[in-house]
Amino acid sequence: MSIVKNKIYGLLKGNFLISKDSLKNWRFILFLVGLMMLMIASAHSSDKKVMEIAELNKKIKELRAEFVDTRSISMKLKLESAIKNKVLDQGLKPSENPPQVIKVVSKK
């Protein structure tokens, strides 16, 4: 067999893991595994944060809609006609005589 075939067979059999200088290979493999685990943990963390941001944006939209509804209801309650209707239920009526202006003249 050729040299290339022998190297391929050696790689497939795992000779690089059991040879005399395999300690440096094992260290490098463990280093790569550690980096992969760190990368996976980082990806999960970023996905979790993206999902949390999406949930908070959804809550913001709901709260903004609730605020707009509450503001429109309070504006309707402040109208003069709404106040007149509430006061009429309590027995108060608007005055039939218009208010009179009082002028005060002071002499110095």
C-alpha atoms as a PDB file:
ATOM      1  CA  MET A   1       0.000   0.000   0.000  1.00  0.00           C
ATOM      2  CA  SER A   2       1.010   3.547  -0.459  1.00  0.00           C
ATOM      3  CA  ILE A   3       2.038   5.949   2.296  1.00  0.00           C
ATOM      4  CA  VAL A   4      -1.162   8.009   1.943  1.00  0.00           C
ATOM      5  CA  LYS A   5      -3.340   4.912   2.413  1.00  0.00           C
ATOM      6  CA  ASN A   6      -1.347   3.908   5.498  1.00  0.00           C
ATOM      7  CA  LYS A   7      -1.791   7.360   7.031  1.00  0.00           C
ATOM      8  CA  ILE A   8      -5.527   7.323   6.300  1.00  0.00           C
ATOM      9  CA  TYR A   9      -5.880   3.860   7.854  1.00  0.00           C
ATOM     10  CA  GLY A  10      -3.841   4.968  10.852  1.00  0.00           C
ATOM     11  CA  LEU A  11      -6.098   7.996  11.293  1.00  0.00           C
ATOM     12  CA  LEU A  12      -9.245   5.889  11.023  1.00  0.00           C
ATOM     13  CA  LYS A  13      -7.911   3.303  13.482  1.00  0.00           C
ATOM     14  CA  GLY A  14      -6.994   6.052  15.954  1.00  0.00           C
ATOM     15  CA  ASN A  15      -3.278   5.377  16.106  1.00  0.00           C
ATOM     16  CA  PHE A  16      -2.669   9.050  16.888  1.00  0.00           C
ATOM     17  CA  LEU A  17      -4.517   8.551  20.199  1.00  0.00           C
ATOM     18  CA  ILE A  18      -2.501   5.532  21.382  1.00  0.00           C
ATOM     19  CA  SER A  19       0.979   6.275  20.081  1.00  0.00           C
ATOM     20  CA  LYS A  20       3.891   7.392  22.287  1.00  0.00           C
ATOM     21  CA  ASP A  21       3.340  11.123  21.725  1.00  0.00           C
ATOM     22  CA  SER A  22      -0.447  10.903  22.100  1.00  0.00           C
ATOM     23  CA  LEU A  23      -0.478  13.077  25.245  1.00  0.00           C
ATOM     24  CA  LYS A  24      -0.139  16.286  23.225  1.00  0.00           C
ATOM     25  CA  ASN A  25      -2.900  15.067  20.890  1.00  0.00           C
ATOM     26  CA  TRP A  26      -5.205  14.373  23.850  1.00  0.00           C
ATOM     27  CA  ARG A  27      -4.491  17.823  25.293  1.00  0.00           C
ATOM     28  CA  PHE A  28      -5.337  19.470  21.990  1.00  0.00           C
ATOM     29  CA  ILE A  29      -8.540  17.410  21.638  1.00  0.00           C
ATOM     30  CA  LEU A  30      -9.634  18.324  25.175  1.00  0.00           C
ATOM     31  CA  PHE A  31      -8.868  21.975  24.429  1.00  0.00           C
ATOM     32  CA  LEU A  32     -11.041  21.823  21.304  1.00  0.00           C
ATOM     33  CA  VAL A  33     -13.860  20.115  23.232  1.00  0.00           C
ATOM     34  CA  GLY A  34     -13.692  22.855  25.869  1.00  0.00           C
ATOM     35  CA  LEU A  35     -13.871  25.559  23.225  1.00  0.00           C
ATOM     36  CA  MET A  36     -16.852  23.855  21.587  1.00  0.00           C
ATOM     37  CA  MET A  37     -18.676  23.632  24.913  1.00  0.00           C
ATOM     38  CA  LEU A  38     -17.971  27.305  25.565  1.00  0.00           C
ATOM     39  CA  MET A  39     -19.298  28.219  22.116  1.00  0.00           C
ATOM     40  CA  ILE A  40     -22.479  26.174  22.628  1.00  0.00           C
ATOM     41  CA  ALA A  41     -23.073  27.744  26.057  1.00  0.00           C
ATOM     42  CA  SER A  42     -22.592  31.204  24.572  1.00  0.00           C
ATOM     43  CA  ALA A  43     -25.068  30.480  21.780  1.00  0.00           C
ATOM     44  CA  HIS A  44     -27.676  29.232  24.260  1.00  0.00           C
ATOM     45  CA  SER A  45     -27.167  32.303  26.415  1.00  0.00           C
ATOM     46  CA  SER A  46     -27.624  34.672  23.477  1.00  0.00           C
ATOM     47  CA  ASP A  47     -30.757  32.798  22.330  1.00  0.00           C
ATOM     48  CA  LYS A  48     -32.189  33.076  25.839  1.00  0.00           C
ATOM     49  CA  LYS A  49     -31.548  36.825  25.869  1.00  0.00           C
ATOM     50  CA  VAL A  50     -33.143  37.287  22.444  1.00  0.00           C
ATOM     51  CA  MET A  51     -36.257  35.449  23.613  1.00  0.00           C
ATOM     52  CA  GLU A  52     -36.389  37.573  26.773  1.00  0.00           C
ATOM     53  CA  ILE A  53     -36.118  40.773  24.718  1.00  0.00           C
ATOM     54  CA  ALA A  54     -38.961  39.625  22.460  1.00  0.00           C
ATOM     55  CA  GLU A  55     -41.133  38.899  25.502  1.00  0.00           C
ATOM     56  CA  LEU A  56     -40.381  42.312  27.014  1.00  0.00           C
ATOM     57  CA  ASN A  57     -41.234  44.045  23.721  1.00  0.00           C
ATOM     58  CA  LYS A  58     -44.560  42.225  23.712  1.00  0.00           C
ATOM     59  CA  LYS A  59     -45.262  43.413  27.271  1.00  0.00           C
ATOM     60  CA  ILE A  60     -44.347  46.977  26.286  1.00  0.00           C
ATOM     61  CA  LYS A  61     -46.878  46.908  23.448  1.00  0.00           C
ATOM     62  CA  GLU A  62     -49.594  45.566  25.765  1.00  0.00           C
ATOM     63  CA  LEU A  63     -48.877  48.211  28.415  1.00  0.00           C
ATOM     64  CA  ARG A  64     -48.830  50.984  25.820  1.00  0.00           C
ATOM     65  CA  ALA A  65     -52.226  49.853  24.508  1.00  0.00           C
ATOM     66  CA  GLU A  66     -53.597  49.752  28.060  1.00  0.00           C
ATOM     67  CA  PHE A  67     -52.239  53.261  28.681  1.00  0.00           C
ATOM     68  CA  VAL A  68     -53.911  54.630  25.547  1.00  0.00           C
ATOM     69  CA  ASP A  69     -57.240  53.028  26.514  1.00  0.00           C
ATOM     70  CA  THR A  70     -57.068  54.410  30.042  1.00  0.00           C
ATOM     71  CA  ARG A  71     -56.131  57.865  28.802  1.00  0.00           C
ATOM     72  CA  SER A  72     -59.050  57.962  26.344  1.00  0.00           C
ATOM     73  CA  ILE A  73     -61.473  56.853  29.084  1.00  0.00           C
ATOM     74  CA  SER A  74     -60.200  59.549  31.457  1.00  0.00           C
ATOM     75  CA  MET A  75     -60.489  62.187  28.708  1.00  0.00           C
ATOM     76  CA  LYS A  76     -64.121  61.178  28.126  1.00  0.00           C
ATOM     77  CA  LEU A  77     -64.836  61.444  31.854  1.00  0.00           C
ATOM     78  CA  LYS A  78     -63.407  64.977  31.936  1.00  0.00           C
ATOM     79  CA  LEU A  79     -65.827  66.252  29.287  1.00  0.00           C
ATOM     80  CA  GLU A  80     -68.427  68.784  30.442  1.00  0.00           C
ATOM     81  CA  SER A  81     -71.326  66.658  29.190  1.00  0.00           C
ATOM     82  CA  ALA A  82     -70.117  63.625  31.169  1.00  0.00           C
ATOM     83  CA  ILE A  83     -69.784  65.725  34.312  1.00  0.00           C
ATOM     84  CA  LYS A  84     -73.290  67.174  33.812  1.00  0.00           C
ATOM     85  CA  ASN A  85     -74.778  63.691  33.510  1.00  0.00           C
ATOM     86  CA  LYS A  86     -73.077  62.505  36.710  1.00  0.00           C
ATOM     87  CA  VAL A  87     -74.137  65.590  38.627  1.00  0.00           C
ATOM     88  CA  LEU A  88     -77.744  65.302  37.397  1.00  0.00           C
ATOM     89  CA  ASP A  89     -77.910  61.834  38.937  1.00  0.00           C
ATOM     90  CA  GLN A  90     -77.055  63.411  42.299  1.00  0.00           C
ATOM     91  CA  GLY A  91     -79.811  66.045  41.934  1.00  0.00           C
ATOM     92  CA  LEU A  92     -77.701  69.062  40.997  1.00  0.00           C
ATOM     93  CA  LYS A  93     -78.758  71.176  38.028  1.00  0.00           C
ATOM     94  CA  PRO A  94     -76.917  73.808  36.064  1.00  0.00           C
ATOM     95  CA  SER A  95     -77.828  77.374  36.986  1.00  0.00           C
ATOM     96  CA  GLU A  96     -80.483  79.018  34.850  1.00  0.00           C
ATOM     97  CA  ASN A  97     -79.153  82.516  35.568  1.00  0.00           C
ATOM     98  CA  PRO A  98     -75.869  83.331  33.885  1.00  0.00           C
ATOM     99  CA  PRO A  99     -73.037  84.406  36.160  1.00  0.00           C
ATOM    100  CA  GLN A 100     -72.554  88.114  36.710  1.00  0.00           C
ATOM    101  CA  VAL A 101     -69.220  89.870  36.459  1.00  0.00           C
ATOM    102  CA  ILE A 102     -68.215  91.869  39.516  1.00  0.00           C
ATOM    103  CA  LYS A 103     -65.827  94.716  38.863  1.00  0.00           C
ATOM    104  CA  VAL A 104     -63.765  96.071  41.715  1.00  0.00           C
ATOM    105  CA  VAL A 105     -62.387  99.556  41.311  1.00  0.00           C
ATOM    106  CA  SER A 106     -59.671 100.504  43.712  1.00  0.00           C
ATOM    107  CA  LYS A 107     -58.612 104.058  44.339  1.00  0.00           C
ATOM    108  CA  LYS A 108     -55.037 104.752  45.263  1.00  0.00           C
END
